[in-house]
Amino acid sequence: MLSGGAAFGKFHYGLVKALYELDLMPRIIVGSSAGSLCAAYIAVHKFEELHVLSDYEITFGKNALAWNFDSLWEMVKMISEKKMIASTDVLKTFVRDTCKDLTFMEIYE
């Protein structure tokens, strides 16, 4: 189980990379929040393709998050007004680019 917490996503990739290199990959990987993005990235690749985890630019070359504010005060104001402080469009693009366009059955097979 890979936990959430934005920055922990990079730690999850490091953990999975180490498990892969030691041939200790679990059969099931799940996650929440940032951990779910990591788990999804792993799930859509065949075991033989996971060597891409070693390439930092491939794994982290694209932004997964973009902020909708320019200052701390603007962020506080947006939160108090219950406005979104992060761009969902950037996250959607990141997921589409990194997790491929596969069905659950295609991933399972």
PDB file of N, CA and C in Angstrom:
ATOM      1  N   MET A   1       0.850  -1.175   0.000  1.00  0.00           N
ATOM      2  CA  MET A   1       0.000   0.000   0.000  1.00  0.00           C
ATOM      3  C   MET A   1       0.891   1.232   0.000  1.00  0.00           C
ATOM      4  N   LEU A   2       0.757   2.022  -1.035  1.00  0.00           N
ATOM      5  CA  LEU A   2       1.510   3.268  -1.149  1.00  0.00           C
ATOM      6  C   LEU A   2       0.607   4.404  -0.689  1.00  0.00           C
ATOM      7  N   SER A   3       1.056   5.156   0.280  1.00  0.00           N
ATOM      8  CA  SER A   3       0.220   6.190   0.891  1.00  0.00           C
ATOM      9  C   SER A   3       0.133   7.439   0.028  1.00  0.00           C
ATOM     10  N   GLY A   4      -0.662   8.370   0.481  1.00  0.00           N
ATOM     11  CA  GLY A   4      -0.790   9.650  -0.186  1.00  0.00           C
ATOM     12  C   GLY A   4       0.210  10.638   0.377  1.00  0.00           C
ATOM     13  N   GLY A   5       0.092  11.870  -0.078  1.00  0.00           N
ATOM     14  CA  GLY A   5       0.943  12.920   0.453  1.00  0.00           C
ATOM     15  C   GLY A   5       1.898  13.495  -0.561  1.00  0.00           C
ATOM     16  N   ALA A   6       1.409  13.952  -1.670  1.00  0.00           N
ATOM     17  CA  ALA A   6       2.150  14.654  -2.724  1.00  0.00           C
ATOM     18  C   ALA A   6       3.623  14.266  -2.866  1.00  0.00           C
ATOM     19  N   ALA A   7       4.490  14.825  -2.048  1.00  0.00           N
ATOM     20  CA  ALA A   7       5.934  14.598  -2.179  1.00  0.00           C
ATOM     21  C   ALA A   7       6.320  13.148  -1.943  1.00  0.00           C
ATOM     22  N   PHE A   8       5.498  12.398  -1.213  1.00  0.00           N
ATOM     23  CA  PHE A   8       5.819  10.994  -0.975  1.00  0.00           C
ATOM     24  C   PHE A   8       5.790  10.177  -2.269  1.00  0.00           C
ATOM     25  N   GLY A   9       5.164  10.713  -3.307  1.00  0.00           N
ATOM     26  CA  GLY A   9       5.117  10.007  -4.587  1.00  0.00           C
ATOM     27  C   GLY A   9       6.495   9.626  -5.088  1.00  0.00           C
ATOM     28  N   LYS A  10       7.458  10.529  -4.966  1.00  0.00           N
ATOM     29  CA  LYS A  10       8.821  10.229  -5.413  1.00  0.00           C
ATOM     30  C   LYS A  10       9.454   9.140  -4.552  1.00  0.00           C
ATOM     31  N   PHE A  11       9.147   9.135  -3.270  1.00  0.00           N
ATOM     32  CA  PHE A  11       9.662   8.065  -2.406  1.00  0.00           C
ATOM     33  C   PHE A  11       9.079   6.717  -2.816  1.00  0.00           C
ATOM     34  N   HIS A  12       7.807   6.717  -3.198  1.00  0.00           N
ATOM     35  CA  HIS A  12       7.169   5.477  -3.633  1.00  0.00           C
ATOM     36  C   HIS A  12       7.859   4.919  -4.871  1.00  0.00           C
ATOM     37  N   TYR A  13       8.174   5.792  -5.825  1.00  0.00           N
ATOM     38  CA  TYR A  13       8.872   5.338  -7.026  1.00  0.00           C
ATOM     39  C   TYR A  13      10.231   4.751  -6.664  1.00  0.00           C
ATOM     40  N   GLY A  14      10.924   5.374  -5.731  1.00  0.00           N
ATOM     41  CA  GLY A  14      12.219   4.843  -5.283  1.00  0.00           C
ATOM     42  C   GLY A  14      12.074   3.474  -4.650  1.00  0.00           C
ATOM     43  N   LEU A  15      11.045   3.306  -3.841  1.00  0.00           N
ATOM     44  CA  LEU A  15      10.792   2.013  -3.212  1.00  0.00           C
ATOM     45  C   LEU A  15      10.492   0.952  -4.262  1.00  0.00           C
ATOM     46  N   VAL A  16       9.604   1.268  -5.186  1.00  0.00           N
ATOM     47  CA  VAL A  16       9.233   0.306  -6.224  1.00  0.00           C
ATOM     48  C   VAL A  16      10.437  -0.009  -7.112  1.00  0.00           C
ATOM     49  N   LYS A  17      11.243   0.997  -7.416  1.00  0.00           N
ATOM     50  CA  LYS A  17      12.455   0.773  -8.206  1.00  0.00           C
ATOM     51  C   LYS A  17      13.382  -0.211  -7.499  1.00  0.00           C
ATOM     52  N   ALA A  18      13.574  -0.033  -6.194  1.00  0.00           N
ATOM     53  CA  ALA A  18      14.433  -0.943  -5.426  1.00  0.00           C
ATOM     54  C   ALA A  18      13.858  -2.357  -5.411  1.00  0.00           C
ATOM     55  N   LEU A  19      12.546  -2.478  -5.219  1.00  0.00           N
ATOM     56  CA  LEU A  19      11.916  -3.802  -5.242  1.00  0.00           C
ATOM     57  C   LEU A  19      12.094  -4.476  -6.605  1.00  0.00           C
ATOM     58  N   TYR A  20      11.940  -3.681  -7.662  1.00  0.00           N
ATOM     59  CA  TYR A  20      12.119  -4.215  -9.024  1.00  0.00           C
ATOM     60  C   TYR A  20      13.555  -4.697  -9.230  1.00  0.00           C
ATOM     61  N   GLU A  21      14.522  -3.875  -8.845  1.00  0.00           N
ATOM     62  CA  GLU A  21      15.930  -4.223  -9.049  1.00  0.00           C
ATOM     63  C   GLU A  21      16.336  -5.449  -8.243  1.00  0.00           C
ATOM     64  N   LEU A  22      15.681  -5.683  -7.110  1.00  0.00           N
ATOM     65  CA  LEU A  22      15.995  -6.849  -6.275  1.00  0.00           C
ATOM     66  C   LEU A  22      15.096  -8.040  -6.587  1.00  0.00           C
ATOM     67  N   ASP A  23      14.277  -7.898  -7.644  1.00  0.00           N
ATOM     68  CA  ASP A  23      13.347  -8.947  -8.067  1.00  0.00           C
ATOM     69  C   ASP A  23      12.403  -9.340  -6.927  1.00  0.00           C
ATOM     70  N   LEU A  24      11.901  -8.327  -6.220  1.00  0.00           N
ATOM     71  CA  LEU A  24      10.986  -8.543  -5.097  1.00  0.00           C
ATOM     72  C   LEU A  24       9.628  -7.864  -5.309  1.00  0.00           C
ATOM     73  N   MET A  25       9.266  -7.621  -6.571  1.00  0.00           N
ATOM     74  CA  MET A  25       8.008  -6.929  -6.844  1.00  0.00           C
ATOM     75  C   MET A  25       6.825  -7.744  -6.331  1.00  0.00           C
ATOM     76  N   PRO A  26       5.927  -7.079  -5.592  1.00  0.00           N
ATOM     77  CA  PRO A  26       4.717  -7.773  -5.131  1.00  0.00           C
ATOM     78  C   PRO A  26       3.744  -7.967  -6.294  1.00  0.00           C
ATOM     79  N   ARG A  27       2.852  -8.901  -6.158  1.00  0.00           N
ATOM     80  CA  ARG A  27       1.849  -9.137  -7.198  1.00  0.00           C
ATOM     81  C   ARG A  27       0.779  -8.067  -7.207  1.00  0.00           C
ATOM     82  N   ILE A  28       0.556  -7.447  -6.053  1.00  0.00           N
ATOM     83  CA  ILE A  28      -0.495  -6.438  -5.928  1.00  0.00           C
ATOM     84  C   ILE A  28       0.118  -5.163  -5.344  1.00  0.00           C
ATOM     85  N   ILE A  29      -0.155  -4.048  -6.017  1.00  0.00           N
ATOM     86  CA  ILE A  29       0.269  -2.742  -5.524  1.00  0.00           C
ATOM     87  C   ILE A  29      -0.957  -1.839  -5.569  1.00  0.00           C
ATOM     88  N   VAL A  30      -1.262  -1.182  -4.462  1.00  0.00           N
ATOM     89  CA  VAL A  30      -2.377  -0.245  -4.397  1.00  0.00           C
ATOM     90  C   VAL A  30      -1.879   1.039  -3.756  1.00  0.00           C
ATOM     91  N   GLY A  31      -2.657   2.080  -3.875  1.00  0.00           N
ATOM     92  CA  GLY A  31      -2.238   3.332  -3.266  1.00  0.00           C
ATOM     93  C   GLY A  31      -3.379   4.302  -3.117  1.00  0.00           C
ATOM     94  N   SER A  32      -3.098   5.358  -2.403  1.00  0.00           N
ATOM     95  CA  SER A  32      -4.051   6.456  -2.271  1.00  0.00           C
ATOM     96  C   SER A  32      -3.330   7.743  -2.644  1.00  0.00           C
ATOM     97  N   SER A  33      -4.052   8.653  -3.253  1.00  0.00           N
ATOM     98  CA  SER A  33      -3.522   9.951  -3.635  1.00  0.00           C
ATOM     99  C   SER A  33      -2.250   9.792  -4.482  1.00  0.00           C
ATOM    100  N   ALA A  34      -1.134  10.353  -4.048  1.00  0.00           N
ATOM    101  CA  ALA A  34       0.111  10.224  -4.823  1.00  0.00           C
ATOM    102  C   ALA A  34       0.509   8.763  -4.985  1.00  0.00           C
ATOM    103  N   GLY A  35       0.223   7.954  -3.988  1.00  0.00           N
ATOM    104  CA  GLY A  35       0.522   6.521  -4.071  1.00  0.00           C
ATOM    105  C   GLY A  35      -0.295   5.828  -5.145  1.00  0.00           C
ATOM    106  N   SER A  36      -1.512   6.307  -5.386  1.00  0.00           N
ATOM    107  CA  SER A  36      -2.335   5.697  -6.431  1.00  0.00           C
ATOM    108  C   SER A  36      -1.782   6.019  -7.818  1.00  0.00           C
ATOM    109  N   LEU A  37      -1.194   7.204  -7.981  1.00  0.00           N
ATOM    110  CA  LEU A  37      -0.566   7.542  -9.268  1.00  0.00           C
ATOM    111  C   LEU A  37       0.633   6.632  -9.524  1.00  0.00           C
ATOM    112  N   CYS A  38       1.418   6.394  -8.500  1.00  0.00           N
ATOM    113  CA  CYS A  38       2.564   5.498  -8.623  1.00  0.00           C
ATOM    114  C   CYS A  38       2.097   4.084  -8.927  1.00  0.00           C
ATOM    115  N   ALA A  39       1.100   3.603  -8.197  1.00  0.00           N
ATOM    116  CA  ALA A  39       0.578   2.251  -8.414  1.00  0.00           C
ATOM    117  C   ALA A  39       0.020   2.103  -9.830  1.00  0.00           C
ATOM    118  N   ALA A  40      -0.674   3.113 -10.315  1.00  0.00           N
ATOM    119  CA  ALA A  40      -1.227   3.072 -11.668  1.00  0.00           C
ATOM    120  C   ALA A  40      -0.116   3.026 -12.703  1.00  0.00           C
ATOM    121  N   TYR A  41       0.922   3.825 -12.499  1.00  0.00           N
ATOM    122  CA  TYR A  41       2.063   3.838 -13.421  1.00  0.00           C
ATOM    123  C   TYR A  41       2.703   2.456 -13.507  1.00  0.00           C
ATOM    124  N   ILE A  42       2.847   1.800 -12.361  1.00  0.00           N
ATOM    125  CA  ILE A  42       3.437   0.461 -12.325  1.00  0.00           C
ATOM    126  C   ILE A  42       2.503  -0.540 -12.992  1.00  0.00           C
ATOM    127  N   ALA A  43       1.207  -0.434 -12.712  1.00  0.00           N
ATOM    128  CA  ALA A  43       0.228  -1.404 -13.209  1.00  0.00           C
ATOM    129  C   ALA A  43       0.115  -1.435 -14.730  1.00  0.00           C
ATOM    130  N   VAL A  44       0.356  -0.318 -15.384  1.00  0.00           N
ATOM    131  CA  VAL A  44       0.182  -0.290 -16.838  1.00  0.00           C
ATOM    132  C   VAL A  44       1.438  -0.710 -17.597  1.00  0.00           C
ATOM    133  N   HIS A  45       2.487  -1.066 -16.881  1.00  0.00           N
ATOM    134  CA  HIS A  45       3.716  -1.533 -17.525  1.00  0.00           C
ATOM    135  C   HIS A  45       3.947  -3.008 -17.241  1.00  0.00           C
ATOM    136  N   LYS A  46       4.391  -3.721 -18.248  1.00  0.00           N
ATOM    137  CA  LYS A  46       4.792  -5.106 -18.038  1.00  0.00           C
ATOM    138  C   LYS A  46       6.054  -5.121 -17.190  1.00  0.00           C
ATOM    139  N   PHE A  47       6.262  -6.221 -16.497  1.00  0.00           N
ATOM    140  CA  PHE A  47       7.427  -6.336 -15.624  1.00  0.00           C
ATOM    141  C   PHE A  47       8.708  -5.990 -16.375  1.00  0.00           C
ATOM    142  N   GLU A  48       8.818  -6.466 -17.608  1.00  0.00           N
ATOM    143  CA  GLU A  48      10.027  -6.233 -18.400  1.00  0.00           C
ATOM    144  C   GLU A  48      10.208  -4.765 -18.773  1.00  0.00           C
ATOM    145  N   GLU A  49       9.134  -3.987 -18.705  1.00  0.00           N
ATOM    146  CA  GLU A  49       9.200  -2.567 -19.064  1.00  0.00           C
ATOM    147  C   GLU A  49       9.535  -1.658 -17.878  1.00  0.00           C
ATOM    148  N   LEU A  50       9.564  -2.210 -16.687  1.00  0.00           N
ATOM    149  CA  LEU A  50       9.750  -1.380 -15.499  1.00  0.00           C
ATOM    150  C   LEU A  50      11.162  -0.830 -15.345  1.00  0.00           C
ATOM    151  N   HIS A  51      12.058  -1.173 -16.256  1.00  0.00           N
ATOM    152  CA  HIS A  51      13.391  -0.572 -16.213  1.00  0.00           C
ATOM    153  C   HIS A  51      13.311   0.945 -16.389  1.00  0.00           C
ATOM    154  N   VAL A  52      12.176   1.451 -16.907  1.00  0.00           N
ATOM    155  CA  VAL A  52      12.008   2.900 -17.075  1.00  0.00           C
ATOM    156  C   VAL A  52      12.036   3.623 -15.735  1.00  0.00           C
ATOM    157  N   LEU A  53      11.833   2.909 -14.636  1.00  0.00           N
ATOM    158  CA  LEU A  53      11.908   3.543 -13.321  1.00  0.00           C
ATOM    159  C   LEU A  53      13.297   4.104 -13.043  1.00  0.00           C
ATOM    160  N   SER A  54      14.298   3.559 -13.724  1.00  0.00           N
ATOM    161  CA  SER A  54      15.667   4.024 -13.531  1.00  0.00           C
ATOM    162  C   SER A  54      15.942   5.347 -14.234  1.00  0.00           C
ATOM    163  N   ASP A  55      15.081   5.717 -15.165  1.00  0.00           N
ATOM    164  CA  ASP A  55      15.270   6.947 -15.929  1.00  0.00           C
ATOM    165  C   ASP A  55      14.450   8.073 -15.302  1.00  0.00           C
ATOM    166  N   TYR A  56      15.126   8.938 -14.571  1.00  0.00           N
ATOM    167  CA  TYR A  56      14.451  10.016 -13.843  1.00  0.00           C
ATOM    168  C   TYR A  56      13.640  10.898 -14.786  1.00  0.00           C
ATOM    169  N   GLU A  57      14.178  11.200 -15.949  1.00  0.00           N
ATOM    170  CA  GLU A  57      13.503  12.105 -16.882  1.00  0.00           C
ATOM    171  C   GLU A  57      12.199  11.501 -17.397  1.00  0.00           C
ATOM    172  N   ILE A  58      12.190  10.195 -17.649  1.00  0.00           N
ATOM    173  CA  ILE A  58      10.955   9.540 -18.103  1.00  0.00           C
ATOM    174  C   ILE A  58       9.935   9.526 -16.976  1.00  0.00           C
ATOM    175  N   THR A  59      10.384   9.161 -15.789  1.00  0.00           N
ATOM    176  CA  THR A  59       9.467   9.012 -14.663  1.00  0.00           C
ATOM    177  C   THR A  59       8.971  10.349 -14.129  1.00  0.00           C
ATOM    178  N   PHE A  60       9.827  11.352 -14.043  1.00  0.00           N
ATOM    179  CA  PHE A  60       9.442  12.626 -13.434  1.00  0.00           C
ATOM    180  C   PHE A  60       9.585  13.807 -14.378  1.00  0.00           C
ATOM    181  N   GLY A  61       9.713  13.575 -15.664  1.00  0.00           N
ATOM    182  CA  GLY A  61       9.952  14.646 -16.617  1.00  0.00           C
ATOM    183  C   GLY A  61       8.781  15.583 -16.839  1.00  0.00           C
ATOM    184  N   LYS A  62       7.580  15.174 -16.445  1.00  0.00           N
ATOM    185  CA  LYS A  62       6.409  16.013 -16.661  1.00  0.00           C
ATOM    186  C   LYS A  62       5.825  16.440 -15.318  1.00  0.00           C
ATOM    187  N   ASN A  63       5.296  17.650 -15.304  1.00  0.00           N
ATOM    188  CA  ASN A  63       4.656  18.134 -14.078  1.00  0.00           C
ATOM    189  C   ASN A  63       3.336  17.420 -13.863  1.00  0.00           C
ATOM    190  N   ALA A  64       3.104  17.015 -12.623  1.00  0.00           N
ATOM    191  CA  ALA A  64       1.832  16.405 -12.264  1.00  0.00           C
ATOM    192  C   ALA A  64       0.912  17.417 -11.596  1.00  0.00           C
ATOM    193  N   LEU A  65       1.485  18.556 -11.212  1.00  0.00           N
ATOM    194  CA  LEU A  65       0.720  19.525 -10.445  1.00  0.00           C
ATOM    195  C   LEU A  65       1.106  20.943 -10.843  1.00  0.00           C
ATOM    196  N   ALA A  66       0.118  21.796 -10.932  1.00  0.00           N
ATOM    197  CA  ALA A  66       0.363  23.222 -11.192  1.00  0.00           C
ATOM    198  C   ALA A  66      -0.573  24.016 -10.291  1.00  0.00           C
ATOM    199  N   TRP A  67      -0.043  25.037  -9.679  1.00  0.00           N
ATOM    200  CA  TRP A  67      -0.820  25.845  -8.746  1.00  0.00           C
ATOM    201  C   TRP A  67      -1.557  26.956  -9.471  1.00  0.00           C
ATOM    202  N   ASN A  68      -2.709  27.321  -8.942  1.00  0.00           N
ATOM    203  CA  ASN A  68      -3.525  28.402  -9.504  1.00  0.00           C
ATOM    204  C   ASN A  68      -3.331  29.718  -8.756  1.00  0.00           C
ATOM    205  N   PHE A  69      -2.241  29.874  -8.020  1.00  0.00           N
ATOM    206  CA  PHE A  69      -2.008  31.099  -7.262  1.00  0.00           C
ATOM    207  C   PHE A  69      -0.543  31.503  -7.403  1.00  0.00           C
ATOM    208  N   ASP A  70      -0.276  32.782  -7.132  1.00  0.00           N
ATOM    209  CA  ASP A  70       1.081  33.314  -7.255  1.00  0.00           C
ATOM    210  C   ASP A  70       1.726  33.663  -5.924  1.00  0.00           C
ATOM    211  N   SER A  71       0.921  33.760  -4.876  1.00  0.00           N
ATOM    212  CA  SER A  71       1.480  34.119  -3.574  1.00  0.00           C
ATOM    213  C   SER A  71       0.775  33.338  -2.472  1.00  0.00           C
ATOM    214  N   LEU A  72       1.391  33.328  -1.320  1.00  0.00           N
ATOM    215  CA  LEU A  72       0.810  32.647  -0.177  1.00  0.00           C
ATOM    216  C   LEU A  72      -0.537  33.263   0.199  1.00  0.00           C
ATOM    217  N   TRP A  73      -0.599  34.594   0.162  1.00  0.00           N
ATOM    218  CA  TRP A  73      -1.850  35.270   0.523  1.00  0.00           C
ATOM    219  C   TRP A  73      -2.954  34.949  -0.472  1.00  0.00           C
ATOM    220  N   GLU A  74      -2.613  34.865  -1.737  1.00  0.00           N
ATOM    221  CA  GLU A  74      -3.605  34.507  -2.749  1.00  0.00           C
ATOM    222  C   GLU A  74      -4.114  33.084  -2.506  1.00  0.00           C
ATOM    223  N   MET A  75      -3.213  32.189  -2.100  1.00  0.00           N
ATOM    224  CA  MET A  75      -3.616  30.815  -1.800  1.00  0.00           C
ATOM    225  C   MET A  75      -4.582  30.789  -0.611  1.00  0.00           C
ATOM    226  N   VAL A  76      -4.249  31.531   0.441  1.00  0.00           N
ATOM    227  CA  VAL A  76      -5.111  31.582   1.634  1.00  0.00           C
ATOM    228  C   VAL A  76      -6.488  32.118   1.264  1.00  0.00           C
ATOM    229  N   LYS A  77      -6.513  33.166   0.455  1.00  0.00           N
ATOM    230  CA  LYS A  77      -7.787  33.746   0.021  1.00  0.00           C
ATOM    231  C   LYS A  77      -8.596  32.723  -0.777  1.00  0.00           C
ATOM    232  N   MET A  78      -7.942  32.021  -1.679  1.00  0.00           N
ATOM    233  CA  MET A  78      -8.642  31.020  -2.495  1.00  0.00           C
ATOM    234  C   MET A  78      -9.209  29.897  -1.623  1.00  0.00           C
ATOM    235  N   ILE A  79      -8.446  29.471  -0.647  1.00  0.00           N
ATOM    236  CA  ILE A  79      -8.923  28.419   0.252  1.00  0.00           C
ATOM    237  C   ILE A  79     -10.127  28.911   1.051  1.00  0.00           C
ATOM    238  N   SER A  80     -10.051  30.133   1.548  1.00  0.00           N
ATOM    239  CA  SER A  80     -11.174  30.679   2.327  1.00  0.00           C
ATOM    240  C   SER A  80     -12.423  30.835   1.465  1.00  0.00           C
ATOM    241  N   GLU A  81     -12.241  31.066   0.172  1.00  0.00           N
ATOM    242  CA  GLU A  81     -13.370  31.194  -0.757  1.00  0.00           C
ATOM    243  C   GLU A  81     -13.758  29.845  -1.364  1.00  0.00           C
ATOM    244  N   LYS A  82     -13.111  28.791  -0.890  1.00  0.00           N
ATOM    245  CA  LYS A  82     -13.369  27.415  -1.352  1.00  0.00           C
ATOM    246  C   LYS A  82     -13.150  27.263  -2.855  1.00  0.00           C
ATOM    247  N   LYS A  83     -12.096  27.916  -3.344  1.00  0.00           N
ATOM    248  CA  LYS A  83     -11.710  27.788  -4.746  1.00  0.00           C
ATOM    249  C   LYS A  83     -10.567  26.778  -4.859  1.00  0.00           C
ATOM    250  N   MET A  84     -10.432  26.182  -6.021  1.00  0.00           N
ATOM    251  CA  MET A  84      -9.370  25.197  -6.242  1.00  0.00           C
ATOM    252  C   MET A  84      -8.022  25.894  -6.338  1.00  0.00           C
ATOM    253  N   ILE A  85      -7.029  25.364  -5.620  1.00  0.00           N
ATOM    254  CA  ILE A  85      -5.698  25.976  -5.648  1.00  0.00           C
ATOM    255  C   ILE A  85      -4.753  25.247  -6.603  1.00  0.00           C
ATOM    256  N   ALA A  86      -5.173  24.093  -7.119  1.00  0.00           N
ATOM    257  CA  ALA A  86      -4.340  23.342  -8.064  1.00  0.00           C
ATOM    258  C   ALA A  86      -5.108  23.114  -9.352  1.00  0.00           C
ATOM    259  N   SER A  87      -4.380  23.029 -10.443  1.00  0.00           N
ATOM    260  CA  SER A  87      -4.983  22.820 -11.754  1.00  0.00           C
ATOM    261  C   SER A  87      -5.252  21.341 -11.983  1.00  0.00           C
ATOM    262  N   THR A  88      -6.496  21.008 -12.191  1.00  0.00           N
ATOM    263  CA  THR A  88      -6.828  19.607 -12.477  1.00  0.00           C
ATOM    264  C   THR A  88      -6.440  19.233 -13.908  1.00  0.00           C
ATOM    265  N   ASP A  89      -6.384  20.204 -14.801  1.00  0.00           N
ATOM    266  CA  ASP A  89      -6.022  19.922 -16.192  1.00  0.00           C
ATOM    267  C   ASP A  89      -4.597  19.367 -16.299  1.00  0.00           C
ATOM    268  N   VAL A  90      -3.677  19.921 -15.519  1.00  0.00           N
ATOM    269  CA  VAL A  90      -2.289  19.453 -15.548  1.00  0.00           C
ATOM    270  C   VAL A  90      -2.215  18.017 -15.032  1.00  0.00           C
ATOM    271  N   LEU A  91      -2.937  17.729 -13.962  1.00  0.00           N
ATOM    272  CA  LEU A  91      -2.950  16.374 -13.411  1.00  0.00           C
ATOM    273  C   LEU A  91      -3.567  15.392 -14.397  1.00  0.00           C
ATOM    274  N   LYS A  92      -4.661  15.772 -15.035  1.00  0.00           N
ATOM    275  CA  LYS A  92      -5.296  14.898 -16.033  1.00  0.00           C
ATOM    276  C   LYS A  92      -4.335  14.586 -17.175  1.00  0.00           C
ATOM    277  N   THR A  93      -3.634  15.584 -17.661  1.00  0.00           N
ATOM    278  CA  THR A  93      -2.668  15.378 -18.742  1.00  0.00           C
ATOM    279  C   THR A  93      -1.552  14.443 -18.293  1.00  0.00           C
ATOM    280  N   PHE A  94      -1.053  14.635 -17.085  1.00  0.00           N
ATOM    281  CA  PHE A  94       0.002  13.781 -16.550  1.00  0.00           C
ATOM    282  C   PHE A  94      -0.462  12.322 -16.489  1.00  0.00           C
ATOM    283  N   VAL A  95      -1.654  12.093 -15.963  1.00  0.00           N
ATOM    284  CA  VAL A  95      -2.170  10.723 -15.849  1.00  0.00           C
ATOM    285  C   VAL A  95      -2.360  10.105 -17.228  1.00  0.00           C
ATOM    286  N   ARG A  96      -2.919  10.858 -18.160  1.00  0.00           N
ATOM    287  CA  ARG A  96      -3.117  10.324 -19.518  1.00  0.00           C
ATOM    288  C   ARG A  96      -1.787   9.971 -20.177  1.00  0.00           C
ATOM    289  N   ASP A  97      -0.780  10.815 -19.983  1.00  0.00           N
ATOM    290  CA  ASP A  97       0.522  10.588 -20.616  1.00  0.00           C
ATOM    291  C   ASP A  97       1.300   9.440 -19.983  1.00  0.00           C
ATOM    292  N   THR A  98       1.182   9.276 -18.680  1.00  0.00           N
ATOM    293  CA  THR A  98       1.999   8.272 -18.000  1.00  0.00           C
ATOM    294  C   THR A  98       1.301   6.934 -17.816  1.00  0.00           C
ATOM    295  N   CYS A  99      -0.015   6.935 -17.778  1.00  0.00           N
ATOM    296  CA  CYS A  99      -0.731   5.687 -17.488  1.00  0.00           C
ATOM    297  C   CYS A  99      -1.362   5.054 -18.715  1.00  0.00           C
ATOM    298  N   LYS A 100      -1.068   5.569 -19.865  1.00  0.00           N
ATOM    299  CA  LYS A 100      -1.554   5.010 -21.129  1.00  0.00           C
ATOM    300  C   LYS A 100      -3.080   5.034 -21.188  1.00  0.00           C
ATOM    301  N   ASP A 101      -3.622   4.537 -22.282  1.00  0.00           N
ATOM    302  CA  ASP A 101      -5.070   4.505 -22.483  1.00  0.00           C
ATOM    303  C   ASP A 101      -5.493   3.039 -22.550  1.00  0.00           C
ATOM    304  N   LEU A 102      -5.598   2.418 -21.388  1.00  0.00           N
ATOM    305  CA  LEU A 102      -5.907   0.996 -21.307  1.00  0.00           C
ATOM    306  C   LEU A 102      -7.140   0.753 -20.452  1.00  0.00           C
ATOM    307  N   THR A 103      -7.847  -0.314 -20.747  1.00  0.00           N
ATOM    308  CA  THR A 103      -8.945  -0.732 -19.883  1.00  0.00           C
ATOM    309  C   THR A 103      -8.396  -1.581 -18.752  1.00  0.00           C
ATOM    310  N   PHE A 104      -9.195  -1.826 -17.728  1.00  0.00           N
ATOM    311  CA  PHE A 104      -8.741  -2.676 -16.632  1.00  0.00           C
ATOM    312  C   PHE A 104      -8.432  -4.086 -17.133  1.00  0.00           C
ATOM    313  N   MET A 105      -9.222  -4.577 -18.092  1.00  0.00           N
ATOM    314  CA  MET A 105      -8.978  -5.917 -18.636  1.00  0.00           C
ATOM    315  C   MET A 105      -7.654  -5.967 -19.382  1.00  0.00           C
ATOM    316  N   GLU A 106      -7.342  -4.933 -20.144  1.00  0.00           N
ATOM    317  CA  GLU A 106      -6.064  -4.888 -20.851  1.00  0.00           C
ATOM    318  C   GLU A 106      -4.899  -4.850 -19.876  1.00  0.00           C
ATOM    319  N   ILE A 107      -5.028  -4.121 -18.805  1.00  0.00           N
ATOM    320  CA  ILE A 107      -3.975  -4.072 -17.793  1.00  0.00           C
ATOM    321  C   ILE A 107      -3.818  -5.436 -17.134  1.00  0.00           C
ATOM    322  N   TYR A 108      -4.931  -6.069 -16.805  1.00  0.00           N
ATOM    323  CA  TYR A 108      -4.908  -7.378 -16.162  1.00  0.00           C
ATOM    324  C   TYR A 108      -4.208  -8.418 -17.037  1.00  0.00           C
ATOM    325  N   GLU A 109      -4.527  -8.375 -18.342  1.00  0.00           N
ATOM    326  CA  GLU A 109      -3.927  -9.354 -19.267  1.00  0.00           C
ATOM    327  C   GLU A 109      -2.458  -9.090 -19.453  1.00  0.00           C
TER     328      GLU A 109
END
